[in-house]
Amino acid sequence: MYYLYRMVLFSILTTFIIGCGERNANVINSENYHKSGISFSYPGNWEVTEDLEENGYRYIFIESPGDAIAKIEIYDKGNFKLSEFVELDIESLKSEMPKFFKLSDRGEIKELQKVIGEKLLKGYRYEFNLSILGVDVPHVTEYYMFQSKTESAYISNQVAVEDLSKVQNGFNIILDDFKIQKTLTNVSN
């Protein structure tokens, strides 16, 4: 997971330094991604920046032109319940945070349910604040789990709260169209 957090933190740091503003997700001209049993649609102005397999798991990054990131991690089925994955992910984020960032939260992980397309998705929401040089930027990450007969895919969508309305539809098309092998379910545990 260390490599994953270096990539996420690099993206967040770049946003702080160059002040790259978020743009609306282009869902009208969406792209399709299909590789090695995983498929999904994503906004036309976003980019799949990583699809790597290492140490028994696979991860895929989809990044917006700003700082929104959708991260897909795929493991053998049964490795983690979604609640365990969320706790491990947050713990890794906190421990890997560079010293010049200050991360604060209220310790809350909230359950959430949303309907996307015709799917009822259950997941978790984590809100936190990143501060650098006295500038506070509240962020939110939403987590979901999808399963096939042999694998579990964990999707986490992260963005600054102020940009959520610009990218939510982009996250939604990834979630609505996500497929892993032939049998798929959305599960919260």
Protein backbone atom coordinates (compact mmCIF):
# COMPACT_ATOMS: atom_id res chain seq x y z
CA MET A 1 0.00 0.00 0.00
CA TYR A 2 2.98 2.34 0.41
CA TYR A 3 3.23 2.95 -3.33
CA LEU A 4 -0.48 3.75 -3.48
CA TYR A 5 -0.17 6.41 -0.84
CA ARG A 6 2.87 7.98 -2.42
CA MET A 7 0.81 8.40 -5.61
CA VAL A 8 -2.23 9.81 -3.78
CA LEU A 9 -0.13 12.15 -1.66
CA PHE A 10 1.82 13.34 -4.70
CA SER A 11 -1.46 14.22 -6.40
CA ILE A 12 -2.72 16.11 -3.33
CA LEU A 13 0.60 17.94 -2.91
CA THR A 14 0.63 18.94 -6.57
CA THR A 15 -2.83 20.42 -6.16
CA PHE A 16 -1.69 22.48 -3.16
CA ILE A 17 1.42 23.74 -4.93
CA ILE A 18 0.07 24.60 -8.37
CA GLY A 19 -3.49 25.31 -7.31
CA CYS A 20 -5.02 23.20 -10.06
CA GLY A 21 -8.76 23.78 -10.04
CA GLU A 22 -11.15 20.92 -10.49
CA ARG A 23 -13.31 20.75 -13.61
CA ASN A 24 -16.71 19.13 -14.03
CA ALA A 25 -16.56 15.44 -14.89
CA ASN A 26 -17.27 14.96 -18.60
CA VAL A 27 -19.79 12.13 -18.33
CA ILE A 28 -21.38 12.85 -21.72
CA ASN A 29 -18.21 11.72 -23.51
CA SER A 30 -17.27 8.89 -21.17
CA GLU A 31 -14.53 6.38 -21.91
CA ASN A 32 -14.67 2.59 -21.40
CA TYR A 33 -11.94 0.61 -19.70
CA HIS A 34 -11.58 -3.16 -20.02
CA LYS A 35 -8.52 -5.12 -19.02
CA SER A 36 -7.90 -8.50 -17.39
CA GLY A 37 -11.48 -9.08 -16.19
CA ILE A 38 -12.15 -5.54 -14.94
CA SER A 39 -14.33 -3.07 -16.82
CA PHE A 40 -15.90 0.29 -16.08
CA SER A 41 -16.76 3.62 -17.67
CA TYR A 42 -15.14 6.87 -16.58
CA PRO A 43 -15.41 10.56 -17.55
CA GLY A 44 -13.88 11.59 -20.86
CA ASN A 45 -11.69 14.23 -19.22
CA TRP A 46 -10.29 11.80 -16.62
CA GLU A 47 -7.40 9.40 -17.10
CA VAL A 48 -6.54 5.87 -15.97
CA THR A 49 -3.03 6.57 -14.70
CA GLU A 50 -2.10 3.20 -13.17
CA ASP A 51 -3.09 -0.43 -13.57
CA LEU A 52 -0.50 -2.52 -11.77
CA GLU A 53 -0.39 -5.93 -10.21
CA GLU A 54 2.10 -6.62 -7.43
CA ASN A 55 2.45 -8.63 -4.25
CA GLY A 56 -0.79 -10.53 -4.81
CA TYR A 57 -3.09 -7.59 -5.47
CA ARG A 58 -3.98 -5.24 -8.29
CA TYR A 59 -4.68 -1.53 -8.17
CA ILE A 60 -6.06 0.91 -10.70
CA PHE A 61 -6.02 4.72 -10.39
CA ILE A 62 -8.44 6.97 -12.26
CA GLU A 63 -7.61 10.67 -11.86
CA SER A 64 -9.52 13.82 -12.73
CA PRO A 65 -7.79 16.93 -14.12
CA GLY A 66 -7.85 18.35 -10.56
CA ASP A 67 -7.27 16.28 -7.42
CA ALA A 68 -10.13 13.76 -7.49
CA ILE A 69 -8.95 10.16 -7.42
CA ALA A 70 -10.84 6.90 -7.81
CA LYS A 71 -8.75 3.99 -6.58
CA ILE A 72 -9.65 0.36 -7.26
CA GLU A 73 -7.85 -2.36 -5.29
CA ILE A 74 -8.46 -6.02 -6.11
CA TYR A 75 -7.60 -8.91 -3.79
CA ASP A 76 -8.50 -12.57 -3.51
CA LYS A 77 -12.02 -12.87 -2.13
CA GLY A 78 -12.26 -13.02 1.64
CA ASN A 79 -9.13 -11.03 2.52
CA PHE A 80 -11.02 -8.14 4.15
CA LYS A 81 -14.52 -7.09 5.04
CA LEU A 82 -15.21 -3.60 3.70
CA SER A 83 -15.13 -2.14 7.23
CA GLU A 84 -11.69 -3.70 7.82
CA PHE A 85 -10.41 -2.38 4.50
CA VAL A 86 -11.60 1.15 5.37
CA GLU A 87 -9.86 1.08 8.75
CA LEU A 88 -6.61 -0.21 7.21
CA ASP A 89 -6.78 2.37 4.42
CA ILE A 90 -7.27 5.26 6.86
CA GLU A 91 -4.52 3.95 9.12
CA SER A 92 -2.14 3.80 6.13
CA LEU A 93 -3.11 7.29 5.02
CA LYS A 94 -2.34 8.69 8.46
CA SER A 95 0.95 6.84 8.88
CA GLU A 96 2.23 7.69 5.38
CA MET A 97 1.32 11.39 5.53
CA PRO A 98 4.39 13.59 4.99
CA LYS A 99 5.34 15.70 8.01
CA PHE A 100 4.52 19.00 6.27
CA PHE A 101 0.85 17.94 5.99
CA LYS A 102 -1.41 17.94 9.00
CA LEU A 103 -4.29 15.48 8.82
CA SER A 104 -7.14 15.83 11.27
CA ASP A 105 -10.48 14.10 11.57
CA ARG A 106 -13.20 13.44 14.09
CA GLY A 107 -12.58 9.70 13.99
CA GLU A 108 -15.91 9.12 12.29
CA ILE A 109 -16.52 6.56 9.60
CA LYS A 110 -20.15 6.76 8.53
CA GLU A 111 -22.16 4.09 6.77
CA LEU A 112 -23.80 5.27 3.58
CA GLN A 113 -26.28 4.03 1.02
CA LYS A 114 -26.94 5.49 -2.38
CA VAL A 115 -28.78 4.52 -5.50
CA ILE A 116 -26.76 4.83 -8.70
CA GLY A 117 -28.57 3.81 -11.85
CA GLU A 118 -30.62 0.91 -10.61
CA LYS A 119 -28.09 -0.28 -8.01
CA LEU A 120 -28.37 0.23 -4.27
CA LEU A 121 -24.79 0.66 -3.09
CA LYS A 122 -23.73 0.36 0.52
CA GLY A 123 -20.43 1.73 1.68
CA TYR A 124 -18.63 4.04 4.08
CA ARG A 125 -17.73 7.73 4.12
CA TYR A 126 -14.67 9.21 5.80
CA GLU A 127 -14.19 12.97 6.14
CA PHE A 128 -10.86 14.52 7.05
CA ASN A 129 -8.99 17.80 6.81
CA LEU A 130 -5.58 18.30 5.21
CA SER A 131 -3.65 21.37 6.20
CA ILE A 132 -0.40 22.66 4.72
CA LEU A 133 1.13 26.01 5.57
CA GLY A 134 -2.05 26.99 7.39
CA VAL A 135 -4.35 26.28 4.45
CA ASP A 136 -7.15 23.85 5.37
CA VAL A 137 -8.69 21.67 2.67
CA PRO A 138 -11.50 19.37 3.87
CA HIS A 139 -11.60 16.06 1.97
CA VAL A 140 -13.97 13.14 1.71
CA THR A 141 -13.40 9.52 0.75
CA GLU A 142 -16.21 7.08 -0.02
CA TYR A 143 -15.57 3.32 0.00
CA TYR A 144 -17.41 0.47 -1.73
CA MET A 145 -16.78 -3.24 -2.22
CA PHE A 146 -17.73 -5.44 -5.16
CA GLN A 147 -17.20 -9.21 -5.29
CA SER A 148 -16.98 -11.92 -7.88
CA LYS A 149 -16.69 -15.62 -7.10
CA THR A 150 -12.93 -15.32 -6.62
CA GLU A 151 -12.05 -11.66 -6.02
CA SER A 152 -13.01 -8.60 -4.01
CA ALA A 153 -12.64 -5.11 -5.45
CA TYR A 154 -12.53 -2.11 -3.13
CA ILE A 155 -13.28 1.24 -4.74
CA SER A 156 -12.40 4.43 -2.90
CA ASN A 157 -13.26 7.85 -4.31
CA GLN A 158 -11.43 10.83 -2.80
CA VAL A 159 -11.76 14.57 -3.43
CA ALA A 160 -11.72 17.93 -1.69
CA VAL A 161 -15.20 18.62 -0.32
CA GLU A 162 -15.44 21.90 -2.26
CA ASP A 163 -15.00 19.96 -5.54
CA LEU A 164 -17.33 17.05 -4.79
CA SER A 165 -20.25 18.48 -6.76
CA LYS A 166 -18.01 18.75 -9.86
CA VAL A 167 -16.86 15.13 -9.77
CA GLN A 168 -19.67 13.15 -8.10
CA ASN A 169 -21.20 12.18 -11.47
CA GLY A 170 -17.78 10.93 -12.56
CA PHE A 171 -17.47 8.72 -9.49
CA ASN A 172 -21.03 7.53 -10.07
CA ILE A 173 -20.43 6.30 -13.62
CA ILE A 174 -17.43 4.29 -12.43
CA LEU A 175 -19.54 2.69 -9.69
CA ASP A 176 -22.58 2.15 -11.93
CA ASP A 177 -20.66 0.43 -14.72
CA PHE A 178 -17.99 -1.41 -12.67
CA LYS A 179 -17.70 -5.13 -13.43
CA ILE A 180 -15.35 -7.79 -12.15
CA GLN A 181 -15.57 -11.19 -13.86
CA LYS A 182 -19.09 -12.57 -14.30
CA THR A 183 -20.80 -12.49 -10.91
CA LEU A 184 -20.82 -9.22 -9.06
CA THR A 185 -22.37 -7.93 -5.86
CA ASN A 186 -22.00 -4.75 -3.81
CA VAL A 187 -21.47 -5.61 -0.16
CA SER A 188 -20.96 -3.67 3.06
CA ASN A 189 -19.64 -5.39 6.18
